[in-house]
Amino acid sequence: MKKFAMMLLNPLFEPEEHMALFLTGNIENYIFTVRNEKEALDKTKDLVKQGFGVLELCGAFDEKLVQEIYAASEGKLCIGHVVYPPEQEEALQEYWESQ
């Protein structure tokens, strides 16, 4: 089986509780949550040990943290991350700051 992971970052998550697994064909699709940079780096190392091949990071990961995660994977994970077009930055910020 191939293993794919999506990682979401938010200090309000409870990683042991907030996770999901979807089995599709020969792929295990996981959604993992982390609360901070340390948890993200630790989880990345764990994913490498478990034989994951692809890790997708949510938009809460900035470029610096994405690079740190790639380094923590020792190049053993294909890592992608969600980015928003520059023209949407203001609308995105307004969305997250609104009630």
Protein backbone atom coordinates (compact mmCIF):
# COMPACT_ATOMS: atom_id res chain seq x y z
CA MET A 1 0.00 0.00 0.00
CA LYS A 2 1.11 3.53 -0.74
CA LYS A 3 0.79 6.09 2.06
CA PHE A 4 -0.24 9.73 1.56
CA ALA A 5 -0.57 12.30 4.37
CA MET A 6 -2.12 15.73 4.69
CA MET A 7 -0.97 17.75 7.71
CA LEU A 8 -3.06 20.54 9.22
CA LEU A 9 -1.63 23.10 11.68
CA ASN A 10 -3.64 24.84 14.39
CA PRO A 11 -2.86 25.28 18.11
CA LEU A 12 -6.43 24.21 18.97
CA PHE A 13 -6.12 20.71 17.49
CA GLU A 14 -5.92 17.56 19.62
CA PRO A 15 -3.74 15.37 17.35
CA GLU A 16 -4.79 12.06 18.93
CA GLU A 17 -8.44 12.94 18.37
CA HIS A 18 -8.36 15.07 15.22
CA MET A 19 -7.20 12.73 12.50
CA ALA A 20 -8.73 10.68 9.68
CA LEU A 21 -7.95 7.75 7.41
CA PHE A 22 -9.50 7.06 4.01
CA LEU A 23 -8.64 3.82 2.23
CA THR A 24 -8.91 4.08 -1.55
CA GLY A 25 -7.68 1.26 -3.74
CA ASN A 26 -4.04 0.71 -2.86
CA ILE A 27 -3.58 4.07 -1.06
CA GLU A 28 -3.88 4.93 2.63
CA ASN A 29 -4.89 8.61 2.76
CA TYR A 30 -4.34 10.20 6.18
CA ILE A 31 -5.16 13.60 7.62
CA PHE A 32 -2.97 14.40 10.62
CA THR A 33 -3.08 17.47 12.83
CA VAL A 34 -0.33 19.25 14.74
CA ARG A 35 -0.38 22.22 17.09
CA ASN A 36 3.06 23.71 16.54
CA GLU A 37 6.37 23.53 14.69
CA LYS A 38 7.90 20.90 16.98
CA GLU A 39 4.95 18.56 16.55
CA ALA A 40 5.10 19.08 12.78
CA LEU A 41 8.80 18.19 12.63
CA ASP A 42 8.35 15.18 14.91
CA LYS A 43 5.37 13.97 12.88
CA THR A 44 7.36 14.33 9.66
CA LYS A 45 10.15 12.13 11.00
CA ASP A 46 7.56 9.60 12.13
CA LEU A 47 5.96 9.55 8.67
CA VAL A 48 9.33 8.78 7.09
CA LYS A 49 9.82 5.86 9.50
CA GLN A 50 6.33 4.56 8.64
CA GLY A 51 7.07 4.54 4.91
CA PHE A 52 4.95 7.47 3.73
CA GLY A 53 5.85 8.82 0.30
CA VAL A 54 3.90 12.06 -0.01
CA LEU A 55 3.07 14.82 2.48
CA GLU A 56 0.82 17.76 1.69
CA LEU A 57 0.85 20.73 4.09
CA CYS A 58 -2.05 23.11 4.67
CA GLY A 59 -1.86 26.85 4.08
CA ALA A 60 -0.97 27.57 7.72
CA PHE A 61 2.62 26.39 7.06
CA ASP A 62 4.85 29.26 5.99
CA GLU A 63 7.71 28.79 3.54
CA LYS A 64 10.32 28.62 6.32
CA LEU A 65 8.51 25.79 8.09
CA VAL A 66 7.93 23.97 4.80
CA GLN A 67 11.69 24.01 4.21
CA GLU A 68 12.37 22.78 7.76
CA ILE A 69 9.91 19.93 7.25
CA TYR A 70 11.56 18.99 3.96
CA ALA A 71 14.94 18.92 5.73
CA ALA A 72 13.48 16.80 8.54
CA SER A 73 12.26 14.30 5.93
CA GLU A 74 15.84 13.96 4.64
CA GLY A 75 14.40 14.15 1.13
CA LYS A 76 12.45 10.92 1.63
CA LEU A 77 9.02 12.55 1.27
CA CYS A 78 7.58 14.41 -1.70
CA ILE A 79 6.26 17.53 0.01
CA GLY A 80 3.70 19.94 -1.36
CA HIS A 81 1.95 22.81 0.34
CA VAL A 82 -1.10 24.93 -0.19
CA VAL A 83 -0.41 28.48 -1.29
CA TYR A 84 -2.81 31.24 -2.19
CA PRO A 85 -2.31 33.72 -5.04
CA PRO A 86 -0.96 37.05 -3.78
CA GLU A 87 -4.12 38.84 -4.90
CA GLN A 88 -6.13 36.70 -2.43
CA GLU A 89 -3.98 37.39 0.64
CA GLU A 90 -6.13 40.28 1.85
CA ALA A 91 -9.39 38.34 1.44
CA LEU A 92 -7.87 35.32 3.17
CA GLN A 93 -6.72 37.42 6.12
CA GLU A 94 -10.16 39.03 6.39
CA TYR A 95 -11.83 35.61 6.36
CA TRP A 96 -9.72 34.23 9.23
CA GLU A 97 -10.05 37.39 11.29
CA SER A 98 -13.84 37.66 10.94
CA GLN A 99 -16.34 36.01 13.28
